[in-house]
């Protein structure tokens, strides 16, 4: 019987739900003359979403939902947010140089990426 009719939660169903939740998190919060604003939530020592496609001039707001402090730092260290305590946010305007990976310099195992596409 197909999984949607069994009434049971399957691993495939859980993975599909998790993927859908990640996709929703990547939706823009607002758009205007100053570019689109995207939200990245830091929770459970992860950036959500872990991959985000943006354009130069867009803005990204990271919000820390963990008890531990976090930041976002470009892999090449050319950009970095301030450290954020719980419930604090930091916002940056995207530049072409931000294309690639980033991490939390306090917790280097936390990794994510920005894909900067031309406008």
N, C-alpha and C. Protein backbone atom coordinates (compact mmCIF):
# COMPACT_ATOMS: atom_id res chain seq x y z
N UNK A 1 0.84 -1.18 0.00
CA UNK A 1 0.00 0.00 0.00
C UNK A 1 0.89 1.25 0.00
N UNK A 2 0.61 2.27 -0.81
CA UNK A 2 1.44 3.49 -0.81
C UNK A 2 1.46 4.12 0.58
N UNK A 3 2.58 4.79 0.88
CA UNK A 3 2.76 5.33 2.22
C UNK A 3 1.70 6.33 2.63
N UNK A 4 1.08 7.06 1.67
CA UNK A 4 0.09 8.05 2.05
C UNK A 4 -1.20 7.42 2.56
N UNK A 5 -1.37 6.10 2.33
CA UNK A 5 -2.58 5.44 2.77
C UNK A 5 -2.37 4.56 4.00
N UNK A 6 -1.14 4.39 4.46
CA UNK A 6 -0.88 3.49 5.58
C UNK A 6 -1.17 4.11 6.92
N UNK A 7 -1.18 5.43 6.98
CA UNK A 7 -1.36 6.09 8.26
C UNK A 7 -0.11 6.08 9.11
N UNK A 8 1.00 5.57 8.55
CA UNK A 8 2.26 5.52 9.27
C UNK A 8 3.22 6.54 8.68
N UNK A 9 4.08 7.06 9.54
CA UNK A 9 5.12 7.96 9.08
C UNK A 9 6.31 7.14 8.63
N UNK A 10 6.78 7.39 7.42
CA UNK A 10 7.93 6.66 6.89
C UNK A 10 9.11 7.60 6.82
N UNK A 11 10.29 7.01 6.66
CA UNK A 11 11.50 7.83 6.52
C UNK A 11 11.38 8.73 5.30
N UNK A 12 10.86 8.19 4.18
CA UNK A 12 10.71 9.00 2.97
C UNK A 12 9.76 10.17 3.23
N UNK A 13 8.68 9.92 3.96
CA UNK A 13 7.74 10.99 4.29
C UNK A 13 8.37 12.06 5.17
N UNK A 14 9.17 11.62 6.15
CA UNK A 14 9.85 12.58 7.01
C UNK A 14 10.84 13.41 6.23
N UNK A 15 11.59 12.78 5.32
CA UNK A 15 12.58 13.51 4.52
C UNK A 15 11.88 14.51 3.60
N UNK A 16 10.76 14.13 3.01
CA UNK A 16 10.02 15.05 2.14
C UNK A 16 9.52 16.24 2.94
N UNK A 17 9.04 15.98 4.15
CA UNK A 17 8.57 17.07 5.01
C UNK A 17 9.69 18.00 5.40
N UNK A 18 10.84 17.44 5.73
CA UNK A 18 11.99 18.27 6.10
C UNK A 18 12.44 19.11 4.92
N UNK A 19 12.46 18.54 3.73
CA UNK A 19 12.85 19.31 2.54
C UNK A 19 11.87 20.45 2.29
N UNK A 20 10.59 20.18 2.46
CA UNK A 20 9.59 21.22 2.25
C UNK A 20 9.75 22.33 3.28
N UNK A 21 10.03 21.98 4.53
CA UNK A 21 10.24 23.00 5.57
C UNK A 21 11.45 23.85 5.24
N UNK A 22 12.52 23.25 4.74
CA UNK A 22 13.71 24.01 4.37
C UNK A 22 13.44 24.95 3.22
N UNK A 23 12.63 24.49 2.27
CA UNK A 23 12.28 25.34 1.13
C UNK A 23 11.47 26.55 1.60
N UNK A 24 10.56 26.34 2.54
CA UNK A 24 9.76 27.45 3.04
C UNK A 24 10.62 28.47 3.76
N UNK A 25 11.64 28.00 4.47
CA UNK A 25 12.50 28.92 5.21
C UNK A 25 13.27 29.83 4.28
N UNK A 26 13.46 29.42 3.03
CA UNK A 26 14.25 30.21 2.09
C UNK A 26 13.40 31.26 1.37
N UNK A 27 12.11 31.30 1.62
CA UNK A 27 11.27 32.28 0.95
C UNK A 27 11.64 33.68 1.41
N UNK A 28 11.60 34.65 0.49
CA UNK A 28 11.93 36.03 0.88
C UNK A 28 10.90 36.58 1.86
N UNK A 29 11.37 37.41 2.78
CA UNK A 29 10.51 38.03 3.76
C UNK A 29 9.86 39.27 3.17
N UNK A 30 10.62 40.05 2.43
CA UNK A 30 10.08 41.25 1.79
C UNK A 30 10.94 41.61 0.59
N UNK A 31 10.36 42.35 -0.32
CA UNK A 31 11.10 42.82 -1.49
C UNK A 31 10.80 44.30 -1.66
N UNK A 32 11.81 45.04 -2.09
CA UNK A 32 11.64 46.47 -2.28
C UNK A 32 12.81 47.04 -3.05
N UNK A 33 12.92 48.35 -3.05
CA UNK A 33 14.00 49.02 -3.77
C UNK A 33 15.37 48.64 -3.23
N UNK A 34 15.42 48.26 -1.96
CA UNK A 34 16.69 47.89 -1.34
C UNK A 34 16.99 46.41 -1.50
N UNK A 35 16.39 45.74 -2.46
CA UNK A 35 16.59 44.31 -2.66
C UNK A 35 15.63 43.50 -1.82
N UNK A 36 15.75 42.20 -1.93
CA UNK A 36 14.89 41.27 -1.20
C UNK A 36 15.54 40.94 0.13
N UNK A 37 14.74 40.85 1.17
CA UNK A 37 15.22 40.47 2.50
C UNK A 37 14.94 38.99 2.72
N UNK A 38 15.99 38.23 3.04
CA UNK A 38 15.87 36.81 3.35
C UNK A 38 16.21 36.59 4.81
N UNK A 39 15.52 35.65 5.44
CA UNK A 39 15.77 35.29 6.83
C UNK A 39 16.49 33.95 6.89
N UNK A 40 17.53 33.88 7.69
CA UNK A 40 18.19 32.62 8.01
C UNK A 40 18.11 32.45 9.52
N UNK A 41 17.54 31.34 9.93
CA UNK A 41 17.40 31.06 11.35
C UNK A 41 18.54 30.15 11.81
N UNK A 42 19.10 30.48 12.95
CA UNK A 42 20.13 29.64 13.56
C UNK A 42 19.45 28.91 14.72
N UNK A 43 19.36 27.60 14.57
CA UNK A 43 18.69 26.78 15.59
C UNK A 43 19.35 25.41 15.61
N UNK A 44 19.56 24.88 16.81
CA UNK A 44 20.17 23.55 16.97
C UNK A 44 21.53 23.48 16.28
N UNK A 45 22.30 24.57 16.38
CA UNK A 45 23.65 24.64 15.81
C UNK A 45 23.63 24.37 14.30
N UNK A 46 22.62 24.93 13.61
CA UNK A 46 22.50 24.83 12.15
C UNK A 46 21.98 26.14 11.60
N UNK A 47 22.39 26.45 10.37
CA UNK A 47 21.82 27.56 9.62
C UNK A 47 20.66 27.00 8.81
N UNK A 48 19.52 27.64 8.88
CA UNK A 48 18.35 27.17 8.13
C UNK A 48 17.75 28.31 7.33
N UNK A 49 17.84 28.25 5.99
CA UNK A 49 18.32 27.14 5.18
C UNK A 49 19.85 27.09 5.13
N UNK A 50 20.37 25.92 4.78
CA UNK A 50 21.82 25.75 4.68
C UNK A 50 22.36 26.26 3.35
N UNK A 51 21.50 26.44 2.38
CA UNK A 51 21.91 26.97 1.06
C UNK A 51 20.87 28.00 0.64
N UNK A 52 21.34 29.16 0.21
CA UNK A 52 20.43 30.23 -0.17
C UNK A 52 20.93 30.90 -1.43
N UNK A 53 20.06 31.08 -2.41
CA UNK A 53 20.40 31.77 -3.65
C UNK A 53 19.92 33.22 -3.54
N UNK A 54 20.83 34.15 -3.75
CA UNK A 54 20.56 35.58 -3.59
C UNK A 54 21.22 36.37 -4.72
N UNK A 55 20.90 37.66 -4.79
CA UNK A 55 21.52 38.56 -5.78
C UNK A 55 22.23 39.69 -5.04
N UNK A 56 23.24 40.27 -5.68
CA UNK A 56 23.86 41.46 -5.07
C UNK A 56 22.79 42.52 -4.79
N UNK A 57 22.85 43.13 -3.63
CA UNK A 57 21.85 44.13 -3.24
C UNK A 57 20.75 43.55 -2.37
N UNK A 58 20.55 42.22 -2.40
CA UNK A 58 19.60 41.60 -1.47
C UNK A 58 20.15 41.72 -0.06
N UNK A 59 19.29 41.50 0.91
CA UNK A 59 19.72 41.55 2.30
C UNK A 59 19.43 40.20 2.95
N UNK A 60 20.28 39.83 3.90
CA UNK A 60 20.09 38.59 4.66
C UNK A 60 20.09 38.96 6.13
N UNK A 61 19.11 38.43 6.85
CA UNK A 61 19.05 38.62 8.30
C UNK A 61 19.18 37.25 8.96
N UNK A 62 20.26 37.09 9.74
CA UNK A 62 20.45 35.88 10.55
C UNK A 62 19.86 36.17 11.92
N UNK A 63 19.07 35.23 12.46
CA UNK A 63 18.53 35.35 13.81
C UNK A 63 18.91 34.11 14.60
N UNK A 64 19.51 34.33 15.77
CA UNK A 64 19.96 33.24 16.61
C UNK A 64 18.84 32.77 17.53
N UNK A 65 18.47 31.50 17.42
CA UNK A 65 17.45 30.90 18.28
C UNK A 65 18.07 29.92 19.29
N UNK A 66 19.39 29.82 19.29
CA UNK A 66 20.09 28.95 20.23
C UNK A 66 20.45 29.72 21.49
N UNK A 67 20.78 28.98 22.55
CA UNK A 67 21.27 29.62 23.78
C UNK A 67 22.72 30.07 23.62
N UNK A 68 23.45 29.39 22.76
CA UNK A 68 24.87 29.72 22.53
C UNK A 68 25.00 30.88 21.54
N UNK A 69 26.05 31.68 21.65
CA UNK A 69 26.27 32.75 20.67
C UNK A 69 26.72 32.17 19.33
N UNK A 70 26.40 32.87 18.24
CA UNK A 70 26.79 32.45 16.90
C UNK A 70 27.09 33.68 16.05
N UNK A 71 27.74 33.44 14.90
CA UNK A 71 27.93 34.47 13.89
C UNK A 71 27.93 33.78 12.53
N UNK A 72 28.02 34.55 11.49
CA UNK A 72 28.17 34.03 10.12
C UNK A 72 29.44 34.66 9.57
N UNK A 73 30.36 33.82 9.09
CA UNK A 73 31.67 34.27 8.63
C UNK A 73 31.98 33.63 7.28
N UNK A 74 32.31 34.43 6.27
CA UNK A 74 32.67 33.88 4.96
C UNK A 74 33.85 32.94 5.07
N UNK A 75 33.83 31.86 4.29
CA UNK A 75 34.94 30.90 4.32
C UNK A 75 36.29 31.58 4.12
N UNK A 76 36.31 32.62 3.27
CA UNK A 76 37.56 33.34 3.03
C UNK A 76 37.78 34.47 4.03
N UNK A 77 36.86 34.57 4.99
CA UNK A 77 36.90 35.58 6.06
C UNK A 77 36.82 37.02 5.55
N UNK A 78 36.31 37.20 4.34
CA UNK A 78 36.18 38.56 3.78
C UNK A 78 34.96 39.29 4.34
N UNK A 79 34.06 38.58 5.00
CA UNK A 79 32.90 39.21 5.63
C UNK A 79 32.52 38.41 6.88
N UNK A 80 31.88 39.10 7.81
CA UNK A 80 31.47 38.46 9.06
C UNK A 80 30.40 39.30 9.73
N UNK A 81 29.43 38.62 10.34
CA UNK A 81 28.46 39.33 11.17
C UNK A 81 29.05 39.49 12.57
N UNK A 82 28.45 40.33 13.36
CA UNK A 82 28.80 40.38 14.78
C UNK A 82 28.31 39.09 15.44
N UNK A 83 28.85 38.79 16.61
CA UNK A 83 28.33 37.65 17.38
C UNK A 83 26.93 37.98 17.84
N UNK A 84 26.06 36.99 17.76
CA UNK A 84 24.66 37.17 18.15
C UNK A 84 24.34 36.27 19.34
N UNK A 85 23.80 36.86 20.38
CA UNK A 85 23.28 36.07 21.48
C UNK A 85 21.87 35.62 21.14
N UNK A 86 21.28 34.80 21.99
CA UNK A 86 19.92 34.31 21.75
C UNK A 86 18.96 35.46 21.48
N UNK A 87 18.15 35.30 20.46
CA UNK A 87 17.11 36.25 20.01
C UNK A 87 17.68 37.49 19.33
N UNK A 88 18.99 37.57 19.16
CA UNK A 88 19.58 38.70 18.44
C UNK A 88 19.68 38.38 16.96
N UNK A 89 19.68 39.44 16.14
CA UNK A 89 19.78 39.31 14.69
C UNK A 89 20.88 40.21 14.16
N UNK A 90 21.41 39.84 13.02
CA UNK A 90 22.37 40.65 12.28
C UNK A 90 21.93 40.63 10.82
N UNK A 91 22.04 41.77 10.16
CA UNK A 91 21.62 41.89 8.76
C UNK A 91 22.78 42.41 7.92
N UNK A 92 22.96 41.83 6.74
CA UNK A 92 24.00 42.28 5.81
C UNK A 92 23.39 42.45 4.43
N UNK A 93 24.01 43.30 3.63
CA UNK A 93 23.64 43.46 2.23
C UNK A 93 24.58 42.59 1.41
N UNK A 94 24.01 41.81 0.52
CA UNK A 94 24.77 40.84 -0.27
C UNK A 94 25.63 41.55 -1.31
N UNK A 95 26.89 41.08 -1.44
CA UNK A 95 27.77 41.51 -2.52
C UNK A 95 28.18 40.27 -3.30
N UNK A 96 28.67 40.47 -4.52
CA UNK A 96 29.11 39.34 -5.35
C UNK A 96 30.21 38.54 -4.66
N UNK A 97 31.03 39.20 -3.86
CA UNK A 97 32.14 38.54 -3.17
C UNK A 97 31.68 37.55 -2.11
N UNK A 98 30.40 37.58 -1.73
CA UNK A 98 29.90 36.67 -0.70
C UNK A 98 29.54 35.29 -1.24
N UNK A 99 29.69 35.08 -2.54
CA UNK A 99 29.37 33.79 -3.15
C UNK A 99 30.24 32.69 -2.55
N UNK A 100 29.63 31.63 -2.07
CA UNK A 100 30.38 30.51 -1.52
C UNK A 100 29.95 30.15 -0.12
N UNK A 101 30.80 29.42 0.55
CA UNK A 101 30.48 28.91 1.86
C UNK A 101 30.69 29.92 2.97
N UNK A 102 30.02 29.67 4.08
CA UNK A 102 30.25 30.43 5.30
C UNK A 102 30.06 29.50 6.50
N UNK A 103 30.48 29.95 7.67
CA UNK A 103 30.42 29.13 8.86
C UNK A 103 30.31 30.03 10.09
N UNK A 104 30.11 29.43 11.24
CA UNK A 104 30.14 30.16 12.51
C UNK A 104 31.55 30.03 13.04
N UNK A 105 32.25 31.13 13.23
CA UNK A 105 33.64 31.06 13.68
C UNK A 105 33.75 30.59 15.14
N UNK A 106 32.65 30.65 15.89
CA UNK A 106 32.64 30.15 17.26
C UNK A 106 32.45 28.63 17.26
N UNK A 107 31.65 28.14 16.32
CA UNK A 107 31.35 26.70 16.19
C UNK A 107 31.61 26.31 14.73
N UNK A 108 32.86 26.09 14.34
CA UNK A 108 33.23 25.88 12.93
C UNK A 108 32.55 24.70 12.24
N UNK A 109 31.93 23.79 12.99
CA UNK A 109 31.22 22.69 12.35
C UNK A 109 29.91 23.16 11.72
N UNK A 110 29.45 24.35 12.08
CA UNK A 110 28.23 24.92 11.50
C UNK A 110 28.59 25.54 10.16
N UNK A 111 28.06 24.96 9.07
CA UNK A 111 28.40 25.43 7.72
C UNK A 111 27.16 25.61 6.88
N UNK A 112 27.25 26.54 5.95
CA UNK A 112 26.16 26.80 5.00
C UNK A 112 26.77 27.48 3.78
N UNK A 113 25.92 27.82 2.79
CA UNK A 113 26.45 28.48 1.60
C UNK A 113 25.46 29.48 1.02
N UNK A 114 26.04 30.47 0.37
CA UNK A 114 25.29 31.47 -0.39
C UNK A 114 25.68 31.32 -1.85
N UNK A 115 24.68 31.29 -2.71
CA UNK A 115 24.92 31.28 -4.16
C UNK A 115 24.48 32.65 -4.65
N UNK A 116 25.45 33.46 -5.04
CA UNK A 116 25.15 34.82 -5.48
C UNK A 116 25.06 34.81 -7.00
N UNK A 117 23.86 35.09 -7.53
CA UNK A 117 23.64 35.09 -8.98
C UNK A 117 23.55 36.54 -9.46
N UNK A 118 23.87 36.77 -10.71
CA UNK A 118 23.80 38.15 -11.22
C UNK A 118 22.34 38.57 -11.35
N UNK A 119 22.12 39.85 -11.17
CA UNK A 119 20.76 40.41 -11.17
C UNK A 119 20.07 40.31 -12.48
